[in-house]
Amino acid sequence: MKSYYLKILSLFLFVFIFIITKTNAQNDSVYVLVDELAEPNEGWEGFYVYLQQNLKYPPKARADEIHGKVVLRFVIEKEGTISQIEVIKSVNRELDQEAIRVLSQSPPWKPGKIKGQIVRTQMTLPIVFKLG
């Protein structure tokens, strides 16, 4: 009889842990399609001003006349911070690193929402380096 209760208790604990794990995994999902897109707190115009003021053209890339568009993919966390930055279209190492640097130091964002609930949102952003 004792082993019967242990089996029931073990099964109950297994189901409970499974449900908790699944719920937490769903809450930590990263969404691409959302009802309300994540956006910079100061709006897109303010974000482009931030980029203009903080993006530093790497001297070696300038000297070698390297230019182009670096495309970054990243996650806006629920609290508005940026994480998981990765280059999905590279120009060269110096420009890629500068694009990552300036995005990682960006002010907080307004997170995305689905049905009014704040969610982690994946974004893609091109950063253009032009000589001139």
N, C-alpha and C. Protein backbone atom coordinates (compact mmCIF):
# COMPACT_ATOMS: atom_id res chain seq x y z
N MET A 1 0.81 -1.18 0.00
CA MET A 1 0.00 0.00 0.00
C MET A 1 0.87 1.26 0.00
N LYS A 2 1.97 1.21 0.75
CA LYS A 2 2.88 2.34 0.83
C LYS A 2 3.49 2.65 -0.54
N SER A 3 3.88 1.60 -1.28
CA SER A 3 4.47 1.82 -2.60
C SER A 3 3.44 2.39 -3.58
N TYR A 4 2.18 2.05 -3.41
CA TYR A 4 1.11 2.59 -4.25
C TYR A 4 1.03 4.11 -4.07
N TYR A 5 1.05 4.57 -2.83
CA TYR A 5 1.00 6.01 -2.55
C TYR A 5 2.25 6.72 -3.06
N LEU A 6 3.39 6.08 -2.96
CA LEU A 6 4.63 6.66 -3.48
C LEU A 6 4.56 6.82 -5.00
N LYS A 7 3.99 5.82 -5.66
CA LYS A 7 3.84 5.91 -7.11
C LYS A 7 2.89 7.05 -7.49
N ILE A 8 1.79 7.18 -6.79
CA ILE A 8 0.83 8.26 -7.05
C ILE A 8 1.49 9.62 -6.80
N LEU A 9 2.21 9.72 -5.68
CA LEU A 9 2.90 10.96 -5.35
C LEU A 9 3.95 11.30 -6.41
N SER A 10 4.71 10.31 -6.84
CA SER A 10 5.73 10.51 -7.88
C SER A 10 5.10 10.98 -9.18
N LEU A 11 4.00 10.35 -9.56
CA LEU A 11 3.30 10.74 -10.78
C LEU A 11 2.79 12.18 -10.66
N PHE A 12 2.20 12.51 -9.52
CA PHE A 12 1.70 13.86 -9.29
C PHE A 12 2.84 14.88 -9.41
N LEU A 13 3.98 14.61 -8.78
CA LEU A 13 5.13 15.51 -8.84
C LEU A 13 5.64 15.66 -10.27
N PHE A 14 5.69 14.57 -11.01
CA PHE A 14 6.14 14.61 -12.40
C PHE A 14 5.22 15.52 -13.23
N VAL A 15 3.92 15.34 -13.11
CA VAL A 15 2.96 16.15 -13.86
C VAL A 15 3.06 17.61 -13.44
N PHE A 16 3.19 17.88 -12.15
CA PHE A 16 3.30 19.24 -11.64
C PHE A 16 4.54 19.93 -12.21
N ILE A 17 5.68 19.25 -12.16
CA ILE A 17 6.93 19.82 -12.69
C ILE A 17 6.83 20.03 -14.19
N PHE A 18 6.21 19.12 -14.91
CA PHE A 18 6.02 19.27 -16.35
C PHE A 18 5.19 20.51 -16.67
N ILE A 19 4.09 20.71 -15.93
CA ILE A 19 3.22 21.87 -16.17
C ILE A 19 3.97 23.16 -15.86
N ILE A 20 4.69 23.21 -14.76
CA ILE A 20 5.45 24.42 -14.39
C ILE A 20 6.49 24.71 -15.46
N THR A 21 7.23 23.70 -15.90
CA THR A 21 8.26 23.89 -16.91
C THR A 21 7.66 24.38 -18.22
N LYS A 22 6.56 23.78 -18.64
CA LYS A 22 5.92 24.18 -19.89
C LYS A 22 5.41 25.62 -19.79
N THR A 23 4.82 26.01 -18.68
CA THR A 23 4.32 27.36 -18.49
C THR A 23 5.47 28.36 -18.55
N ASN A 24 6.56 28.06 -17.86
CA ASN A 24 7.72 28.97 -17.88
C ASN A 24 8.31 29.06 -19.27
N ALA A 25 8.37 27.96 -20.00
CA ALA A 25 8.90 27.98 -21.36
C ALA A 25 8.03 28.85 -22.26
N GLN A 26 6.70 28.78 -22.09
CA GLN A 26 5.82 29.60 -22.90
C GLN A 26 6.00 31.08 -22.56
N ASN A 27 6.18 31.39 -21.29
CA ASN A 27 6.37 32.78 -20.87
C ASN A 27 7.68 33.35 -21.37
N ASP A 28 8.67 32.51 -21.62
CA ASP A 28 9.97 32.96 -22.08
C ASP A 28 10.12 32.87 -23.60
N SER A 29 9.05 32.56 -24.30
CA SER A 29 9.13 32.46 -25.75
C SER A 29 9.47 33.81 -26.36
N VAL A 30 10.13 33.76 -27.50
CA VAL A 30 10.45 34.98 -28.26
C VAL A 30 9.53 35.00 -29.47
N TYR A 31 8.83 36.11 -29.65
CA TYR A 31 7.85 36.23 -30.72
C TYR A 31 8.37 37.14 -31.83
N VAL A 32 8.03 36.79 -33.05
CA VAL A 32 8.35 37.62 -34.21
C VAL A 32 7.11 38.41 -34.62
N LEU A 33 5.96 37.75 -34.61
CA LEU A 33 4.69 38.40 -34.94
C LEU A 33 3.97 38.75 -33.66
N VAL A 34 3.71 40.03 -33.46
CA VAL A 34 3.04 40.50 -32.25
C VAL A 34 1.94 41.49 -32.64
N ASP A 35 1.04 41.76 -31.71
CA ASP A 35 -0.03 42.73 -31.95
C ASP A 35 0.52 44.15 -31.93
N GLU A 36 1.41 44.44 -30.97
CA GLU A 36 2.04 45.75 -30.86
C GLU A 36 3.55 45.54 -30.93
N LEU A 37 4.18 46.12 -31.95
CA LEU A 37 5.62 45.97 -32.14
C LEU A 37 6.40 46.65 -31.03
N ALA A 38 7.54 46.08 -30.70
CA ALA A 38 8.48 46.76 -29.81
C ALA A 38 9.01 47.98 -30.56
N GLU A 39 9.33 49.03 -29.82
CA GLU A 39 9.88 50.23 -30.45
C GLU A 39 10.71 50.99 -29.43
N PRO A 40 11.62 51.81 -29.91
CA PRO A 40 12.43 52.62 -28.99
C PRO A 40 11.52 53.53 -28.16
N ASN A 41 11.88 53.76 -26.91
CA ASN A 41 11.08 54.63 -26.04
C ASN A 41 10.89 56.02 -26.63
N GLU A 42 11.93 56.53 -27.27
CA GLU A 42 11.86 57.88 -27.84
C GLU A 42 11.31 57.88 -29.27
N GLY A 43 10.78 56.74 -29.71
CA GLY A 43 10.26 56.61 -31.07
C GLY A 43 11.38 56.38 -32.06
N TRP A 44 10.99 56.06 -33.29
CA TRP A 44 12.00 55.74 -34.30
C TRP A 44 12.84 56.95 -34.68
N GLU A 45 12.23 58.12 -34.76
CA GLU A 45 13.01 59.32 -35.09
C GLU A 45 14.06 59.58 -34.03
N GLY A 46 13.68 59.46 -32.76
CA GLY A 46 14.62 59.64 -31.67
C GLY A 46 15.72 58.59 -31.68
N PHE A 47 15.35 57.37 -32.07
CA PHE A 47 16.36 56.30 -32.15
C PHE A 47 17.37 56.58 -33.26
N TYR A 48 16.89 57.10 -34.39
CA TYR A 48 17.82 57.43 -35.48
C TYR A 48 18.73 58.58 -35.09
N VAL A 49 18.24 59.51 -34.30
CA VAL A 49 19.09 60.58 -33.77
C VAL A 49 20.15 59.97 -32.86
N TYR A 50 19.72 59.02 -31.99
CA TYR A 50 20.67 58.32 -31.13
C TYR A 50 21.76 57.65 -31.97
N LEU A 51 21.37 56.97 -33.03
CA LEU A 51 22.36 56.30 -33.89
C LEU A 51 23.32 57.31 -34.50
N GLN A 52 22.80 58.42 -35.03
CA GLN A 52 23.65 59.43 -35.65
C GLN A 52 24.65 60.01 -34.65
N GLN A 53 24.21 60.19 -33.41
CA GLN A 53 25.09 60.80 -32.40
C GLN A 53 26.09 59.81 -31.81
N ASN A 54 25.79 58.53 -31.86
CA ASN A 54 26.63 57.55 -31.15
C ASN A 54 27.38 56.58 -32.05
N LEU A 55 26.99 56.46 -33.30
CA LEU A 55 27.66 55.54 -34.21
C LEU A 55 29.00 56.15 -34.62
N LYS A 56 30.08 55.43 -34.38
CA LYS A 56 31.42 55.90 -34.71
C LYS A 56 31.98 55.04 -35.84
N TYR A 57 32.29 55.69 -36.93
CA TYR A 57 32.85 54.96 -38.07
C TYR A 57 34.24 54.47 -37.68
N PRO A 58 34.48 53.17 -37.71
CA PRO A 58 35.80 52.66 -37.33
C PRO A 58 36.89 53.23 -38.26
N PRO A 59 37.97 53.76 -37.68
CA PRO A 59 39.02 54.40 -38.49
C PRO A 59 39.58 53.50 -39.60
N LYS A 60 39.81 52.22 -39.30
CA LYS A 60 40.35 51.32 -40.33
C LYS A 60 39.37 51.14 -41.47
N ALA A 61 38.09 50.99 -41.16
CA ALA A 61 37.07 50.85 -42.20
C ALA A 61 36.99 52.13 -43.03
N ARG A 62 37.10 53.29 -42.38
CA ARG A 62 37.08 54.56 -43.11
C ARG A 62 38.30 54.66 -44.03
N ALA A 63 39.47 54.32 -43.49
CA ALA A 63 40.71 54.39 -44.29
C ALA A 63 40.65 53.44 -45.49
N ASP A 64 40.04 52.28 -45.30
CA ASP A 64 39.93 51.29 -46.38
C ASP A 64 38.70 51.53 -47.26
N GLU A 65 37.96 52.60 -46.97
CA GLU A 65 36.75 52.98 -47.72
C GLU A 65 35.71 51.86 -47.77
N ILE A 66 35.52 51.23 -46.62
CA ILE A 66 34.53 50.15 -46.51
C ILE A 66 33.21 50.76 -46.05
N HIS A 67 32.15 50.41 -46.73
CA HIS A 67 30.82 50.92 -46.38
C HIS A 67 29.80 49.84 -46.68
N GLY A 68 28.60 50.02 -46.17
CA GLY A 68 27.54 49.06 -46.45
C GLY A 68 26.55 48.98 -45.30
N LYS A 69 25.68 47.99 -45.39
CA LYS A 69 24.59 47.81 -44.43
C LYS A 69 24.82 46.55 -43.60
N VAL A 70 24.93 46.75 -42.29
CA VAL A 70 25.01 45.64 -41.34
C VAL A 70 23.59 45.38 -40.86
N VAL A 71 23.15 44.14 -40.92
CA VAL A 71 21.80 43.81 -40.44
C VAL A 71 21.93 42.98 -39.16
N LEU A 72 21.28 43.47 -38.12
CA LEU A 72 21.32 42.81 -36.82
C LEU A 72 19.97 42.22 -36.48
N ARG A 73 20.00 41.07 -35.81
CA ARG A 73 18.79 40.47 -35.24
C ARG A 73 19.00 40.46 -33.73
N PHE A 74 17.96 40.79 -32.98
CA PHE A 74 18.10 40.89 -31.54
C PHE A 74 16.74 40.69 -30.88
N VAL A 75 16.76 40.59 -29.56
CA VAL A 75 15.54 40.38 -28.79
C VAL A 75 15.33 41.57 -27.87
N ILE A 76 14.10 42.09 -27.87
CA ILE A 76 13.69 43.09 -26.89
C ILE A 76 13.04 42.30 -25.74
N GLU A 77 13.66 42.37 -24.59
CA GLU A 77 13.16 41.64 -23.43
C GLU A 77 11.91 42.33 -22.87
N LYS A 78 11.22 41.66 -21.97
CA LYS A 78 9.98 42.19 -21.41
C LYS A 78 10.18 43.52 -20.70
N GLU A 79 11.37 43.72 -20.12
CA GLU A 79 11.63 44.98 -19.41
C GLU A 79 12.20 46.06 -20.33
N GLY A 80 12.34 45.75 -21.64
CA GLY A 80 12.77 46.74 -22.62
C GLY A 80 14.25 46.74 -22.94
N THR A 81 15.01 45.85 -22.32
CA THR A 81 16.43 45.77 -22.62
C THR A 81 16.64 44.95 -23.90
N ILE A 82 17.82 45.11 -24.47
CA ILE A 82 18.17 44.40 -25.70
C ILE A 82 19.11 43.25 -25.37
N SER A 83 18.86 42.08 -25.95
CA SER A 83 19.72 40.91 -25.73
C SER A 83 19.87 40.13 -27.03
N GLN A 84 20.72 39.14 -26.99
CA GLN A 84 20.91 38.18 -28.09
C GLN A 84 21.16 38.86 -29.44
N ILE A 85 22.02 39.87 -29.44
CA ILE A 85 22.33 40.57 -30.70
C ILE A 85 23.20 39.67 -31.55
N GLU A 86 22.81 39.51 -32.82
CA GLU A 86 23.63 38.75 -33.76
C GLU A 86 23.60 39.42 -35.13
N VAL A 87 24.72 39.29 -35.83
CA VAL A 87 24.82 39.85 -37.18
C VAL A 87 24.26 38.82 -38.15
N ILE A 88 23.26 39.24 -38.95
CA ILE A 88 22.73 38.31 -39.95
C ILE A 88 23.15 38.72 -41.36
N LYS A 89 23.65 39.96 -41.51
CA LYS A 89 24.28 40.37 -42.77
C LYS A 89 25.48 41.22 -42.40
N SER A 90 26.63 40.72 -42.73
CA SER A 90 27.89 41.36 -42.36
C SER A 90 28.44 42.21 -43.50
N VAL A 91 29.16 43.26 -43.12
CA VAL A 91 29.93 44.04 -44.10
C VAL A 91 31.39 43.72 -43.89
N ASN A 92 31.88 43.98 -42.70
CA ASN A 92 33.20 43.54 -42.28
C ASN A 92 33.25 43.57 -40.76
N ARG A 93 34.29 43.03 -40.19
CA ARG A 93 34.35 42.85 -38.74
C ARG A 93 34.21 44.17 -37.97
N GLU A 94 34.93 45.21 -38.39
CA GLU A 94 34.90 46.47 -37.67
C GLU A 94 33.51 47.11 -37.68
N LEU A 95 32.88 47.12 -38.85
CA LEU A 95 31.54 47.70 -38.94
C LEU A 95 30.52 46.86 -38.16
N ASP A 96 30.65 45.55 -38.25
CA ASP A 96 29.75 44.67 -37.49
C ASP A 96 29.86 44.94 -35.99
N GLN A 97 31.09 45.02 -35.49
CA GLN A 97 31.30 45.25 -34.05
C GLN A 97 30.77 46.61 -33.62
N GLU A 98 30.92 47.63 -34.45
CA GLU A 98 30.41 48.95 -34.11
C GLU A 98 28.88 48.96 -34.09
N ALA A 99 28.26 48.27 -35.03
CA ALA A 99 26.80 48.18 -35.04
C ALA A 99 26.30 47.48 -33.77
N ILE A 100 26.96 46.40 -33.39
CA ILE A 100 26.59 45.69 -32.16
C ILE A 100 26.80 46.59 -30.94
N ARG A 101 27.91 47.29 -30.91
CA ARG A 101 28.21 48.16 -29.76
C ARG A 101 27.13 49.22 -29.58
N VAL A 102 26.81 49.93 -30.65
CA VAL A 102 25.86 51.02 -30.52
C VAL A 102 24.46 50.52 -30.19
N LEU A 103 24.05 49.38 -30.74
CA LEU A 103 22.74 48.82 -30.41
C LEU A 103 22.70 48.34 -28.97
N SER A 104 23.76 47.70 -28.51
CA SER A 104 23.78 47.17 -27.14
C SER A 104 23.73 48.27 -26.10
N GLN A 105 24.16 49.49 -26.45
CA GLN A 105 24.14 50.62 -25.51
C GLN A 105 22.91 51.50 -25.69
N SER A 106 22.01 51.06 -26.54
CA SER A 106 20.80 51.82 -26.81
C SER A 106 19.96 51.99 -25.55
N PRO A 107 19.25 53.13 -25.45
CA PRO A 107 18.32 53.29 -24.33
C PRO A 107 17.25 52.20 -24.38
N PRO A 108 16.55 51.97 -23.26
CA PRO A 108 15.51 50.93 -23.22
C PRO A 108 14.42 51.15 -24.27
N TRP A 109 13.77 50.07 -24.63
CA TRP A 109 12.69 50.09 -25.62
C TRP A 109 11.36 49.79 -24.95
N LYS A 110 10.28 50.09 -25.64
CA LYS A 110 8.95 49.65 -25.23
C LYS A 110 8.82 48.22 -25.78
N PRO A 111 8.54 47.25 -24.92
CA PRO A 111 8.45 45.86 -25.41
C PRO A 111 7.21 45.63 -26.25
N GLY A 112 7.24 44.55 -27.02
CA GLY A 112 6.09 44.16 -27.83
C GLY A 112 5.00 43.55 -26.97
N LYS A 113 3.80 43.48 -27.55
CA LYS A 113 2.67 42.93 -26.81
C LYS A 113 1.84 42.02 -27.70
N ILE A 114 1.27 41.01 -27.07
CA ILE A 114 0.28 40.14 -27.70
C ILE A 114 -0.94 40.13 -26.77
N LYS A 115 -2.07 40.53 -27.30
CA LYS A 115 -3.32 40.60 -26.52
C LYS A 115 -3.11 41.36 -25.21
N GLY A 116 -2.36 42.45 -25.29
CA GLY A 116 -2.12 43.29 -24.12
C GLY A 116 -1.05 42.80 -23.18
N GLN A 117 -0.51 41.60 -23.41
CA GLN A 117 0.53 41.04 -22.55
C GLN A 117 1.91 41.34 -23.14
N ILE A 118 2.81 41.83 -22.30
CA ILE A 118 4.17 42.11 -22.73
C ILE A 118 4.89 40.79 -23.02
N VAL A 119 5.57 40.72 -24.17
CA VAL A 119 6.29 39.51 -24.57
C VAL A 119 7.69 39.87 -25.06
N ARG A 120 8.56 38.88 -25.05
CA ARG A 120 9.89 39.03 -25.65
C ARG A 120 9.70 39.04 -27.17
N THR A 121 10.33 40.00 -27.83
CA THR A 121 10.10 40.20 -29.26
C THR A 121 11.41 40.21 -30.03
N GLN A 122 11.45 39.44 -31.11
CA GLN A 122 12.63 39.44 -31.98
C GLN A 122 12.48 40.55 -33.01
N MET A 123 13.55 41.29 -33.21
CA MET A 123 13.55 42.40 -34.17
C MET A 123 14.74 42.24 -35.11
N THR A 124 14.65 42.90 -36.25
CA THR A 124 15.75 42.97 -37.20
C THR A 124 15.95 44.44 -37.53
N LEU A 125 17.21 44.87 -37.56
CA LEU A 125 17.52 46.28 -37.77
C LEU A 125 18.71 46.42 -38.71
N PRO A 126 18.55 47.16 -39.82
CA PRO A 126 19.70 47.47 -40.66
C PRO A 126 20.39 48.74 -40.14
N ILE A 127 21.70 48.73 -40.09
CA ILE A 127 22.47 49.92 -39.74
C ILE A 127 23.41 50.19 -40.91
N VAL A 128 23.23 51.36 -41.53
CA VAL A 128 23.96 51.70 -42.74
C VAL A 128 25.18 52.55 -42.40
N PHE A 129 26.31 52.15 -42.93
CA PHE A 129 27.55 52.91 -42.81
C PHE A 129 27.85 53.51 -44.18
N LYS A 130 27.85 54.85 -44.24
CA LYS A 130 28.14 55.55 -45.49
C LYS A 130 29.34 56.48 -45.31
N LEU A 131 30.18 56.50 -46.30
CA LEU A 131 31.28 57.47 -46.31
C LEU A 131 30.78 58.70 -47.06
N GLY A 132 31.24 59.83 -46.62
CA GLY A 132 30.80 61.00 -47.37
C GLY A 132 30.93 62.21 -46.63
